[in-house]
Protein backbone atom coordinates (compact mmCIF):
# COMPACT_ATOMS: atom_id res chain seq x y z
CA MET A 1 89.24 71.68 103.90
CA SER A 2 88.37 74.58 106.29
CA ASN A 3 88.00 72.27 109.11
CA ARG A 4 91.07 71.07 108.87
CA VAL A 5 92.81 74.12 108.67
CA ASP A 6 91.06 75.67 111.60
CA LYS A 7 92.74 72.26 113.25
CA LEU A 8 96.43 73.78 112.61
CA TYR A 9 96.11 76.17 115.28
CA ASP A 10 95.80 73.86 117.92
CA SER A 11 98.45 71.21 116.36
CA ASN A 12 101.50 69.16 118.75
CA GLU A 13 103.28 69.07 115.66
CA PRO A 14 106.29 71.03 116.26
CA GLY A 15 106.51 74.51 114.40
CA ILE A 16 102.89 73.85 112.75
CA ARG A 17 101.30 76.22 114.59
CA SER A 18 104.39 78.88 113.88
CA LEU A 19 103.98 77.83 110.65
CA THR A 20 100.55 79.17 110.14
CA GLU A 21 100.91 82.30 112.35
CA VAL A 22 103.68 83.25 109.33
CA CYS A 23 100.86 82.59 107.32
CA ASP A 24 98.36 84.18 108.45
CA ILE A 25 100.55 87.50 108.75
CA TYR A 26 101.32 87.14 105.06
CA LEU A 27 97.87 86.93 104.05
CA ASN A 28 96.77 89.86 106.65
CA ILE A 29 99.70 92.36 104.39
CA TYR A 30 98.62 90.75 101.21
CA SER A 31 95.06 91.45 101.85
CA LYS A 32 95.33 94.87 103.66
CA LEU A 33 97.53 96.43 100.73
CA LYS A 34 95.35 95.09 97.92
CA ASN A 35 92.55 96.17 99.81
CA ASP A 36 94.47 99.66 100.01
CA ILE A 37 95.34 99.70 96.48
CA ILE A 38 91.63 99.32 95.17
CA ILE A 39 90.68 102.44 97.24
CA THR A 40 93.29 104.34 95.43
CA ASN A 41 92.86 103.57 92.13
CA SER A 42 88.55 104.45 93.69
CA SER A 43 90.44 107.45 94.14
CA LEU A 44 92.27 108.32 91.36
CA LEU A 45 89.22 107.71 89.25
CA GLY A 46 87.47 110.01 91.15
CA TRP A 47 90.75 113.25 91.26
CA TYR A 48 90.21 112.50 87.07
CA THR A 49 86.20 112.52 87.19
CA THR A 50 86.70 115.85 89.49
CA TRP A 51 89.29 117.72 87.09
CA MET A 52 87.90 117.03 83.81
CA ASN A 53 84.90 118.00 85.02
CA ASP A 54 85.95 121.10 86.60
CA ALA A 55 84.92 124.57 85.52
CA SER A 56 88.24 126.62 86.10
CA LEU A 57 90.27 123.84 83.30
CA ASN A 58 86.92 124.40 81.02
CA GLN A 59 88.84 127.15 79.27
CA PHE A 60 91.89 125.01 78.35
CA LEU A 61 89.98 121.87 77.08
CA GLY A 62 88.50 120.84 73.68
CA SER A 63 90.36 122.69 70.91
CA THR A 64 93.23 123.52 72.65
CA ASP A 65 95.63 120.91 74.85
CA PRO A 66 97.49 123.78 77.03
CA SER A 67 101.20 123.12 78.83
CA LEU A 68 100.90 121.75 82.04
CA ASN A 69 102.97 125.14 83.52
CA ALA A 70 99.82 126.94 82.19
CA VAL A 71 97.63 124.47 84.23
CA PHE A 72 100.14 125.02 87.21
CA THR A 73 99.78 128.46 87.40
CA ASN A 74 95.89 128.61 87.62
CA ASN A 75 95.25 124.96 89.35
CA ARG A 76 97.53 123.51 91.47
CA ASN A 77 95.28 121.65 93.67
CA MET A 78 95.11 119.66 90.65
CA PHE A 79 98.91 118.10 91.46
CA THR A 80 98.57 118.85 95.16
CA SER A 81 95.40 116.59 95.33
CA LEU A 82 96.60 113.41 93.33
CA GLN A 83 100.89 113.84 95.17
CA LEU A 84 98.18 113.45 98.35
CA ILE A 85 96.30 110.26 96.56
CA LEU A 86 99.99 108.84 95.94
CA THR A 87 101.74 109.74 99.22
CA THR A 88 99.02 107.94 101.09
CA GLN A 89 99.48 104.62 99.05
CA TYR A 90 102.96 104.59 99.98
CA ASN A 91 102.58 105.66 104.04
CA LEU A 92 99.92 102.96 103.94
CA THR A 93 102.64 100.71 102.26
CA LYS A 94 105.27 101.71 104.12
CA SER A 95 103.27 100.97 107.54
CA ILE A 96 103.97 97.22 107.30
CA LYS A 97 107.23 97.24 107.73
CA THR A 98 105.92 96.89 111.40
CA ILE A 99 104.54 94.01 110.98
CA ARG A 100 107.00 91.18 112.15
CA LEU A 101 107.03 87.36 111.63
CA PRO A 102 107.17 85.25 114.81
CA ASN A 103 110.87 85.15 115.00
CA GLY A 104 111.51 89.16 114.62
CA ASP A 105 112.25 88.98 110.83
CA CYS A 106 111.13 91.68 108.80
CA THR A 107 108.70 91.37 105.95
CA VAL A 108 109.84 94.11 103.46
CA PHE A 109 113.01 94.68 101.53
CA THR A 110 114.33 97.36 99.82
CA PRO A 111 114.35 97.56 95.71
CA ASN A 112 117.09 97.94 93.14
CA THR A 113 115.34 101.36 92.29
CA PRO A 114 114.62 102.21 89.61
CA LEU A 115 115.64 98.74 87.21
CA GLY A 116 114.14 96.19 90.12
CA THR A 117 117.07 93.91 89.10
CA GLY A 118 120.51 92.65 90.28
CA THR A 119 121.15 90.79 93.94
CA ILE A 120 118.41 91.86 96.53
CA LEU A 121 118.09 90.37 100.18
CA ASN A 122 115.28 89.24 101.68
CA GLN A 123 112.43 89.37 98.07
CA MET A 124 111.21 86.00 98.99
CA ARG A 125 110.70 83.49 102.62
CA SER A 126 110.97 79.76 101.97
CA ILE A 127 107.74 78.08 104.04
CA LYS A 128 109.44 74.83 105.25
CA ALA A 129 107.26 71.86 107.48
CA ARG A 130 109.41 68.05 106.79
CA TYR A 131 109.61 69.68 103.33
CA ASN A 132 109.82 72.60 101.24
CA LEU A 133 106.19 73.65 100.90
CA GLY A 134 106.92 76.73 98.87
CA GLN A 135 107.43 80.33 99.33
CA ALA A 136 106.10 83.78 100.09
CA SER A 137 106.60 87.28 98.56
CA ASN A 138 108.00 89.74 100.58
CA ILE A 139 107.24 93.35 99.74
CA GLY A 140 109.44 95.79 98.41
CA VAL A 141 109.03 99.47 98.87
CA ASP A 142 111.10 102.93 98.16
CA VAL A 143 110.94 106.48 97.72
CA SER A 144 113.11 108.97 96.23
CA ALA A 145 112.92 113.37 97.02
CA GLY A 146 114.84 113.61 94.05
CA GLY A 147 113.31 116.41 92.04
CA VAL A 148 110.04 115.95 93.43
CA ILE A 149 107.73 119.38 93.51
CA ASP A 150 107.09 120.81 97.09
CA PHE A 151 103.58 122.08 97.70
CA LYS A 152 104.81 123.59 100.74
CA ASP A 153 106.97 125.78 99.02
CA LEU A 154 104.73 128.46 97.53
CA THR A 155 107.13 130.41 95.45
CA VAL A 156 107.53 127.65 93.09
CA SER A 157 105.30 128.56 90.19
CA SER A 158 106.65 126.43 87.25
CA PHE A 159 108.71 123.45 86.85
CA ASP A 160 112.10 123.11 86.88
CA THR A 161 114.14 120.78 86.05
CA ALA A 162 116.72 121.23 88.78
CA THR A 163 114.32 121.47 91.43
CA SER A 164 110.66 120.65 90.80
CA ARG A 165 109.50 118.23 87.70
CA TYR A 166 107.34 114.93 89.44
CA ILE A 167 104.74 114.68 91.35
CA SER A 168 105.76 111.33 92.72
CA LYS A 169 108.33 109.00 93.05
CA TYR A 170 107.46 105.63 94.47
CA TYR A 171 108.44 102.36 93.72
CA TYR A 172 106.61 99.01 94.79
CA GLN A 173 107.44 95.14 94.12
CA ILE A 174 105.96 92.01 95.11
CA GLY A 175 108.77 89.22 95.37
CA THR A 176 110.21 88.44 92.54
CA PHE A 177 107.59 90.21 90.34
CA PRO A 178 108.98 93.02 87.84
CA LEU A 179 109.47 96.22 90.00
CA GLU A 180 106.30 98.92 89.56
CA LYS A 181 107.50 102.17 89.34
CA ILE A 182 105.27 105.12 90.76
CA GLU A 183 106.36 108.05 89.20
CA VAL A 184 104.62 110.72 87.63
CA ASP A 185 107.10 113.00 85.54
CA THR A 186 105.39 116.02 84.61
CA TRP A 187 108.38 115.90 81.16
CA PHE A 188 107.35 112.49 80.87
CA GLY A 189 110.89 112.19 79.86
CA SER A 190 110.94 114.95 77.32
CA SER A 191 112.73 118.14 77.17
CA SER A 192 109.66 120.83 78.78
CA ALA A 193 106.58 120.31 79.95
CA GLY A 194 103.99 118.00 79.05
CA THR A 195 100.44 119.02 78.40
CA LEU A 196 97.63 118.05 80.16
CA SER A 197 96.25 115.10 77.94
CA GLN A 198 99.21 113.72 78.63
CA PHE A 199 99.24 114.16 82.72
CA PHE A 200 95.38 112.64 82.93
CA LYS A 201 96.80 109.00 80.81
CA ASN A 202 99.84 109.02 82.31
CA VAL A 203 97.26 108.59 85.23
CA ILE A 204 94.34 107.02 84.18
CA GLY A 205 95.28 105.75 80.85
CA PHE A 206 94.62 102.06 79.75
CA VAL A 207 96.07 99.88 77.33
CA GLY A 208 95.10 100.71 73.78
CA GLU A 209 93.48 103.53 74.45
CA ASP A 210 94.24 105.86 71.35
CA GLY A 211 97.39 108.17 72.39
CA ALA A 212 97.53 106.32 75.54
CA VAL A 213 100.94 106.49 77.27
CA GLY A 214 101.36 102.57 76.93
CA PRO A 215 101.42 99.64 79.38
CA THR A 216 104.49 100.05 81.87
CA THR A 217 103.65 103.59 82.68
CA SER A 218 100.34 104.69 83.61
CA ILE A 219 99.91 104.58 87.39
CA ILE A 220 96.13 103.01 87.79
CA GLU A 221 97.81 100.01 85.64
CA ARG A 222 100.97 99.54 87.98
CA ASN A 223 98.23 99.38 90.55
CA ASN A 224 96.30 96.86 88.86
CA ARG A 225 99.46 95.15 88.29
CA LEU A 226 100.08 95.27 91.85
CA VAL A 227 97.08 94.30 92.75
CA GLU A 228 96.73 90.87 91.03
CA GLN A 229 100.54 89.84 92.11
CA LEU A 230 98.98 90.28 95.42
CA ALA A 231 95.93 88.06 95.49
CA PHE A 232 97.95 85.70 93.01
CA SER A 233 99.96 85.92 96.57
CA ILE A 234 96.74 84.86 98.69
CA ASN A 235 96.23 82.32 96.89
CA MET A 236 99.74 80.69 96.97
CA ILE A 237 99.44 81.36 101.02
CA THR A 238 96.46 80.14 100.98
CA ASP A 239 97.55 76.68 99.48
CA LEU A 240 100.49 76.58 101.50
CA LYS A 241 97.94 76.43 104.76
CA LYS A 242 96.30 73.31 102.96
CA MET A 243 98.90 71.63 102.59
CA LEU A 244 100.29 72.26 105.84
CA THR A 245 97.19 70.52 107.09
CA TYR A 246 98.62 66.55 106.00
CA PHE A 247 101.52 67.57 108.44
CA ALA A 248 99.62 68.31 111.32
């Protein structure tokens, strides 16, 4: 089959080489983002391991579960490094906005946040030869600065709901898959700052873990779902290229 796919690049059939280029652009985008997110998750696990074993946190671990305000006062670097990891992921995802299809169309759309529902343009793109062969998923990416802690502001000494409460507020969507909210709320939706154990589980907790935050809020699980969606999209485009060989 690989030989047949290779012949797509030499095809004289009108539009086939252009469609092949479109498929390759999507494969490049999906593969790049998939690898970037896998690296992000490795960084998150490294971040967790580092801070779980940090000597300056030992005073808080064990029999007590301190408020994040107390940890923030003594260990701001723990929050700063997490924000940097998630910001890097966003910037890498945002970078695909510069990638264009042969006709100049963008492969990115702005998701309807925070719900991820409603009318959203440019979520999917049809791949058509003589017939409609299938659809490619465009990438949704958005960010909100509202209530995000500014670590450049050295006067911030605690979490305040009016000015600084979130570590990150990023939103991703692969085609029509559900929106993934990469939000780290230091209050966890309650009326005051949460605890250190809640914070760790919000970032690296897994479904089924005792006391974990559940299947929809752990950052590492959200990223794992994005990886699965990208892998599915890679397989779809690979199959579409095979279908194109019947028209070349």
